Amino acid sequence: MSSKLTFSGIKSRTIKTEISVTEKKYGRLHAGTTISKMAQELILDVLLLSKEHTLIADKQIEIDEAYLKDRKTFRREDISDVDISKGRAAVGTDFFKLFKDGDVIEVILHE
């Protein structure tokens, strides 16, 4: 039995199934609406999953860790004002090298 990641206090969420050449080249994930809502007390998690396996129940999300390929976590001070205004997060080029067809990137802004 695999463990699960649980996120509560969800403020915004974006799911991406495709990434652009620019995102790959510069290592910056574009998830405009979710990232632009970043505030001091919130946490941004960027998850690379082999499949979309998310269970949503009453403002809580559970993700089976068996499908987790990579995870980046950011606090407000980790993201520049420019990146927030442009809705992007510097996940790095290695993050995108793991991305294969059928994979999903889930961006979760939470407490």
N, C-alpha and C. Protein backbone atom coordinates (compact mmCIF):
# COMPACT_ATOMS: atom_id res chain seq x y z
N MET A 1 0.85 -1.18 0.00
CA MET A 1 0.00 0.00 0.00
C MET A 1 0.89 1.23 0.00
N SER A 2 0.66 2.13 -0.93
CA SER A 2 1.49 3.33 -1.02
C SER A 2 0.89 4.46 -0.19
N SER A 3 1.74 5.38 0.17
CA SER A 3 1.27 6.51 0.96
C SER A 3 0.69 7.60 0.06
N LYS A 4 0.05 8.56 0.68
CA LYS A 4 -0.60 9.62 -0.07
C LYS A 4 -0.13 10.98 0.44
N LEU A 5 -0.01 11.92 -0.49
CA LEU A 5 0.23 13.32 -0.15
C LEU A 5 -1.14 13.96 0.03
N THR A 6 -1.31 14.70 1.09
CA THR A 6 -2.59 15.36 1.34
C THR A 6 -2.38 16.86 1.42
N PHE A 7 -3.17 17.60 0.67
CA PHE A 7 -3.13 19.06 0.68
C PHE A 7 -4.49 19.57 1.12
N SER A 8 -4.49 20.49 2.07
CA SER A 8 -5.74 21.10 2.50
C SER A 8 -5.61 22.62 2.42
N GLY A 9 -6.71 23.31 2.59
CA GLY A 9 -6.69 24.77 2.48
C GLY A 9 -6.33 25.21 1.07
N ILE A 10 -6.87 24.53 0.08
CA ILE A 10 -6.56 24.80 -1.33
C ILE A 10 -7.12 26.17 -1.73
N LYS A 11 -6.26 27.00 -2.29
CA LYS A 11 -6.67 28.33 -2.76
C LYS A 11 -6.84 28.35 -4.27
N SER A 12 -6.00 27.59 -4.97
CA SER A 12 -6.07 27.54 -6.42
C SER A 12 -5.34 26.29 -6.89
N ARG A 13 -5.73 25.82 -8.08
CA ARG A 13 -5.15 24.59 -8.61
C ARG A 13 -5.17 24.64 -10.13
N THR A 14 -4.07 24.20 -10.74
CA THR A 14 -3.96 24.13 -12.19
C THR A 14 -3.39 22.77 -12.56
N ILE A 15 -3.93 22.18 -13.62
CA ILE A 15 -3.41 20.92 -14.13
C ILE A 15 -2.95 21.16 -15.57
N LYS A 16 -1.70 20.77 -15.84
CA LYS A 16 -1.13 20.93 -17.18
C LYS A 16 -0.77 19.56 -17.74
N THR A 17 -1.11 19.35 -18.99
CA THR A 17 -0.76 18.09 -19.65
C THR A 17 0.25 18.31 -20.77
N GLU A 18 0.54 19.56 -21.07
CA GLU A 18 1.52 19.88 -22.11
C GLU A 18 2.43 21.00 -21.60
N ILE A 19 3.68 20.97 -22.06
CA ILE A 19 4.61 22.05 -21.73
C ILE A 19 5.21 22.58 -23.03
N SER A 20 5.50 23.86 -23.02
CA SER A 20 6.01 24.50 -24.23
C SER A 20 7.53 24.38 -24.34
N VAL A 21 8.04 24.66 -25.51
CA VAL A 21 9.48 24.65 -25.75
C VAL A 21 10.16 25.70 -24.86
N THR A 22 9.52 26.84 -24.70
CA THR A 22 10.07 27.91 -23.86
C THR A 22 10.17 27.48 -22.40
N GLU A 23 9.14 26.82 -21.89
CA GLU A 23 9.16 26.32 -20.52
C GLU A 23 10.33 25.35 -20.33
N LYS A 24 10.49 24.42 -21.26
CA LYS A 24 11.58 23.45 -21.18
C LYS A 24 12.94 24.13 -21.23
N LYS A 25 13.08 25.07 -22.14
CA LYS A 25 14.37 25.73 -22.36
C LYS A 25 14.83 26.53 -21.14
N TYR A 26 13.90 27.26 -20.52
CA TYR A 26 14.27 28.15 -19.42
C TYR A 26 13.96 27.59 -18.02
N GLY A 27 13.29 26.45 -17.97
CA GLY A 27 13.00 25.82 -16.68
C GLY A 27 11.98 26.57 -15.84
N ARG A 28 11.10 27.31 -16.52
CA ARG A 28 10.07 28.09 -15.82
C ARG A 28 8.69 27.60 -16.25
N LEU A 29 7.95 27.11 -15.29
CA LEU A 29 6.60 26.61 -15.53
C LEU A 29 5.61 27.77 -15.54
N HIS A 30 4.78 27.82 -16.56
CA HIS A 30 3.74 28.85 -16.66
C HIS A 30 2.41 28.27 -16.16
N ALA A 31 1.92 28.83 -15.09
CA ALA A 31 0.61 28.45 -14.53
C ALA A 31 0.00 29.71 -13.97
N GLY A 32 -0.19 30.67 -14.85
CA GLY A 32 -0.58 32.04 -14.54
C GLY A 32 -1.52 32.30 -13.40
N THR A 33 -2.74 31.83 -13.49
CA THR A 33 -3.75 32.15 -12.49
C THR A 33 -3.36 31.67 -11.10
N THR A 34 -2.87 30.47 -11.01
CA THR A 34 -2.52 29.91 -9.70
C THR A 34 -1.32 30.63 -9.09
N ILE A 35 -0.27 30.81 -9.85
CA ILE A 35 0.94 31.44 -9.32
C ILE A 35 0.72 32.92 -9.01
N SER A 36 -0.07 33.60 -9.81
CA SER A 36 -0.30 35.04 -9.58
C SER A 36 -1.09 35.30 -8.29
N LYS A 37 -1.69 34.27 -7.71
CA LYS A 37 -2.41 34.41 -6.44
C LYS A 37 -1.52 34.18 -5.22
N MET A 38 -0.25 33.96 -5.46
CA MET A 38 0.70 33.65 -4.38
C MET A 38 0.74 34.79 -3.37
N ALA A 39 0.59 34.43 -2.10
CA ALA A 39 0.65 35.40 -1.00
C ALA A 39 1.62 34.89 0.05
N GLN A 40 1.98 35.75 0.98
CA GLN A 40 3.01 35.45 1.98
C GLN A 40 2.76 34.17 2.77
N GLU A 41 1.55 33.92 3.16
CA GLU A 41 1.26 32.78 4.04
C GLU A 41 0.98 31.48 3.28
N LEU A 42 1.03 31.51 1.95
CA LEU A 42 0.67 30.34 1.15
C LEU A 42 1.89 29.58 0.65
N ILE A 43 1.66 28.33 0.28
CA ILE A 43 2.69 27.45 -0.26
C ILE A 43 2.26 27.00 -1.66
N LEU A 44 3.22 26.95 -2.56
CA LEU A 44 2.97 26.50 -3.92
C LEU A 44 3.69 25.18 -4.12
N ASP A 45 2.95 24.13 -4.45
CA ASP A 45 3.53 22.83 -4.75
C ASP A 45 3.33 22.54 -6.23
N VAL A 46 4.42 22.15 -6.90
CA VAL A 46 4.37 21.77 -8.30
C VAL A 46 4.74 20.29 -8.35
N LEU A 47 3.80 19.48 -8.80
CA LEU A 47 3.97 18.03 -8.79
C LEU A 47 3.98 17.49 -10.21
N LEU A 48 4.94 16.64 -10.50
CA LEU A 48 4.98 15.94 -11.78
C LEU A 48 4.51 14.52 -11.50
N LEU A 49 3.39 14.17 -12.12
CA LEU A 49 2.76 12.86 -11.87
C LEU A 49 2.74 12.04 -13.15
N SER A 50 2.91 10.73 -13.01
CA SER A 50 2.88 9.86 -14.18
C SER A 50 1.47 9.74 -14.76
N LYS A 51 0.46 9.99 -13.94
CA LYS A 51 -0.93 10.01 -14.38
C LYS A 51 -1.69 10.91 -13.43
N GLU A 52 -2.83 11.39 -13.87
CA GLU A 52 -3.66 12.20 -12.99
C GLU A 52 -4.43 11.26 -12.06
N HIS A 53 -3.98 11.19 -10.85
CA HIS A 53 -4.60 10.33 -9.83
C HIS A 53 -4.84 11.17 -8.60
N THR A 54 -5.81 12.02 -8.68
CA THR A 54 -6.09 12.93 -7.58
C THR A 54 -7.48 12.65 -7.04
N LEU A 55 -7.57 12.55 -5.73
CA LEU A 55 -8.86 12.40 -5.06
C LEU A 55 -9.18 13.71 -4.37
N ILE A 56 -10.32 14.28 -4.69
CA ILE A 56 -10.71 15.55 -4.11
C ILE A 56 -11.91 15.32 -3.20
N ALA A 57 -11.79 15.80 -1.97
CA ALA A 57 -12.89 15.64 -1.01
C ALA A 57 -12.91 16.84 -0.07
N ASP A 58 -13.98 17.61 -0.12
CA ASP A 58 -14.18 18.72 0.81
C ASP A 58 -12.93 19.58 1.05
N LYS A 59 -12.49 20.26 0.03
CA LYS A 59 -11.35 21.19 0.12
C LYS A 59 -10.03 20.52 0.47
N GLN A 60 -9.93 19.25 0.18
CA GLN A 60 -8.71 18.50 0.45
C GLN A 60 -8.38 17.67 -0.78
N ILE A 61 -7.11 17.58 -1.11
CA ILE A 61 -6.66 16.79 -2.26
C ILE A 61 -5.71 15.72 -1.77
N GLU A 62 -5.89 14.50 -2.23
CA GLU A 62 -4.98 13.41 -1.92
C GLU A 62 -4.37 12.90 -3.22
N ILE A 63 -3.05 12.71 -3.20
CA ILE A 63 -2.33 12.23 -4.37
C ILE A 63 -1.52 11.01 -3.95
N ASP A 64 -1.68 9.94 -4.68
CA ASP A 64 -0.96 8.71 -4.41
C ASP A 64 0.52 8.92 -4.77
N GLU A 65 1.42 8.73 -3.82
CA GLU A 65 2.85 8.97 -4.04
C GLU A 65 3.45 8.01 -5.07
N ALA A 66 2.79 6.91 -5.35
CA ALA A 66 3.29 5.97 -6.36
C ALA A 66 3.36 6.62 -7.74
N TYR A 67 2.57 7.65 -7.97
CA TYR A 67 2.55 8.32 -9.27
C TYR A 67 3.38 9.59 -9.30
N LEU A 68 4.03 9.93 -8.19
CA LEU A 68 4.83 11.15 -8.09
C LEU A 68 6.22 10.93 -8.68
N LYS A 69 6.57 11.73 -9.70
CA LYS A 69 7.89 11.64 -10.32
C LYS A 69 8.82 12.72 -9.77
N ASP A 70 8.28 13.90 -9.46
CA ASP A 70 9.07 14.99 -8.90
C ASP A 70 8.14 15.98 -8.22
N ARG A 71 8.72 16.73 -7.28
CA ARG A 71 7.94 17.72 -6.54
C ARG A 71 8.82 18.91 -6.21
N LYS A 72 8.31 20.10 -6.46
CA LYS A 72 8.97 21.36 -6.11
C LYS A 72 8.01 22.13 -5.22
N THR A 73 8.53 22.65 -4.10
CA THR A 73 7.72 23.42 -3.17
C THR A 73 8.31 24.81 -3.03
N PHE A 74 7.44 25.82 -3.11
CA PHE A 74 7.88 27.22 -3.04
C PHE A 74 7.09 27.97 -1.98
N ARG A 75 7.78 28.84 -1.29
CA ARG A 75 7.15 29.83 -0.42
C ARG A 75 7.24 31.16 -1.14
N ARG A 76 6.54 32.16 -0.64
CA ARG A 76 6.49 33.46 -1.31
C ARG A 76 7.89 34.03 -1.57
N GLU A 77 8.78 33.91 -0.59
CA GLU A 77 10.11 34.48 -0.74
C GLU A 77 10.98 33.75 -1.77
N ASP A 78 10.55 32.56 -2.19
CA ASP A 78 11.28 31.78 -3.19
C ASP A 78 10.99 32.21 -4.63
N ILE A 79 9.95 33.02 -4.81
CA ILE A 79 9.52 33.41 -6.15
C ILE A 79 9.62 34.93 -6.28
N SER A 80 10.27 35.39 -7.33
CA SER A 80 10.43 36.84 -7.52
C SER A 80 9.10 37.50 -7.86
N ASP A 81 9.03 38.80 -7.62
CA ASP A 81 7.82 39.56 -7.96
C ASP A 81 7.53 39.48 -9.46
N VAL A 82 8.58 39.50 -10.26
CA VAL A 82 8.41 39.43 -11.72
C VAL A 82 7.79 38.08 -12.11
N ASP A 83 8.32 36.99 -11.53
CA ASP A 83 7.77 35.67 -11.85
C ASP A 83 6.32 35.54 -11.39
N ILE A 84 5.99 36.11 -10.24
CA ILE A 84 4.59 36.06 -9.79
C ILE A 84 3.70 36.85 -10.74
N SER A 85 4.13 38.04 -11.12
CA SER A 85 3.29 38.84 -12.03
C SER A 85 3.14 38.17 -13.39
N LYS A 86 4.13 37.40 -13.82
CA LYS A 86 4.06 36.69 -15.10
C LYS A 86 3.49 35.28 -14.95
N GLY A 87 3.19 34.88 -13.71
CA GLY A 87 2.56 33.58 -13.47
C GLY A 87 3.45 32.40 -13.76
N ARG A 88 4.70 32.46 -13.32
CA ARG A 88 5.62 31.35 -13.59
C ARG A 88 6.44 30.99 -12.36
N ALA A 89 6.90 29.74 -12.33
CA ALA A 89 7.72 29.24 -11.23
C ALA A 89 8.97 28.58 -11.80
N ALA A 90 10.11 28.89 -11.21
CA ALA A 90 11.39 28.35 -11.68
C ALA A 90 11.59 26.93 -11.13
N VAL A 91 11.10 25.95 -11.85
CA VAL A 91 11.21 24.56 -11.42
C VAL A 91 12.51 23.93 -11.90
N GLY A 92 13.17 24.53 -12.88
CA GLY A 92 14.43 24.03 -13.41
C GLY A 92 14.24 23.13 -14.62
N THR A 93 15.25 23.08 -15.45
CA THR A 93 15.16 22.29 -16.68
C THR A 93 15.12 20.78 -16.41
N ASP A 94 15.77 20.33 -15.33
CA ASP A 94 15.75 18.90 -15.00
C ASP A 94 14.34 18.40 -14.71
N PHE A 95 13.50 19.26 -14.14
CA PHE A 95 12.11 18.92 -13.85
C PHE A 95 11.40 18.52 -15.15
N PHE A 96 11.62 19.29 -16.20
CA PHE A 96 10.95 19.03 -17.48
C PHE A 96 11.54 17.84 -18.22
N LYS A 97 12.80 17.49 -17.94
CA LYS A 97 13.40 16.32 -18.58
C LYS A 97 12.70 15.03 -18.17
N LEU A 98 12.08 15.04 -17.00
CA LEU A 98 11.35 13.86 -16.52
C LEU A 98 9.97 13.73 -17.15
N PHE A 99 9.46 14.80 -17.76
CA PHE A 99 8.11 14.84 -18.32
C PHE A 99 8.03 13.99 -19.58
N LYS A 100 7.08 13.06 -19.60
CA LYS A 100 6.83 12.20 -20.77
C LYS A 100 5.38 12.34 -21.19
N ASP A 101 5.07 11.90 -22.42
CA ASP A 101 3.68 11.92 -22.89
C ASP A 101 2.79 11.16 -21.90
N GLY A 102 1.65 11.73 -21.57
CA GLY A 102 0.73 11.12 -20.63
C GLY A 102 0.93 11.59 -19.20
N ASP A 103 2.04 12.27 -18.93
CA ASP A 103 2.28 12.81 -17.59
C ASP A 103 1.44 14.05 -17.36
N VAL A 104 1.31 14.41 -16.10
CA VAL A 104 0.50 15.56 -15.69
C VAL A 104 1.31 16.39 -14.70
N ILE A 105 1.24 17.71 -14.86
CA ILE A 105 1.83 18.61 -13.87
C ILE A 105 0.67 19.25 -13.13
N GLU A 106 0.70 19.09 -11.82
CA GLU A 106 -0.35 19.65 -10.99
C GLU A 106 0.27 20.76 -10.13
N VAL A 107 -0.33 21.95 -10.21
CA VAL A 107 0.15 23.11 -9.46
C VAL A 107 -0.92 23.42 -8.42
N ILE A 108 -0.52 23.36 -7.14
CA ILE A 108 -1.47 23.53 -6.05
C ILE A 108 -1.00 24.67 -5.15
N LEU A 109 -1.84 25.66 -4.98
CA LEU A 109 -1.58 26.76 -4.05
C LEU A 109 -2.43 26.51 -2.81
N HIS A 110 -1.78 26.39 -1.66
CA HIS A 110 -2.50 26.00 -0.44
C HIS A 110 -1.90 26.66 0.79
N GLU A 111 -2.61 26.48 1.91
CA GLU A 111 -2.15 27.03 3.18
C GLU A 111 -1.06 26.15 3.77
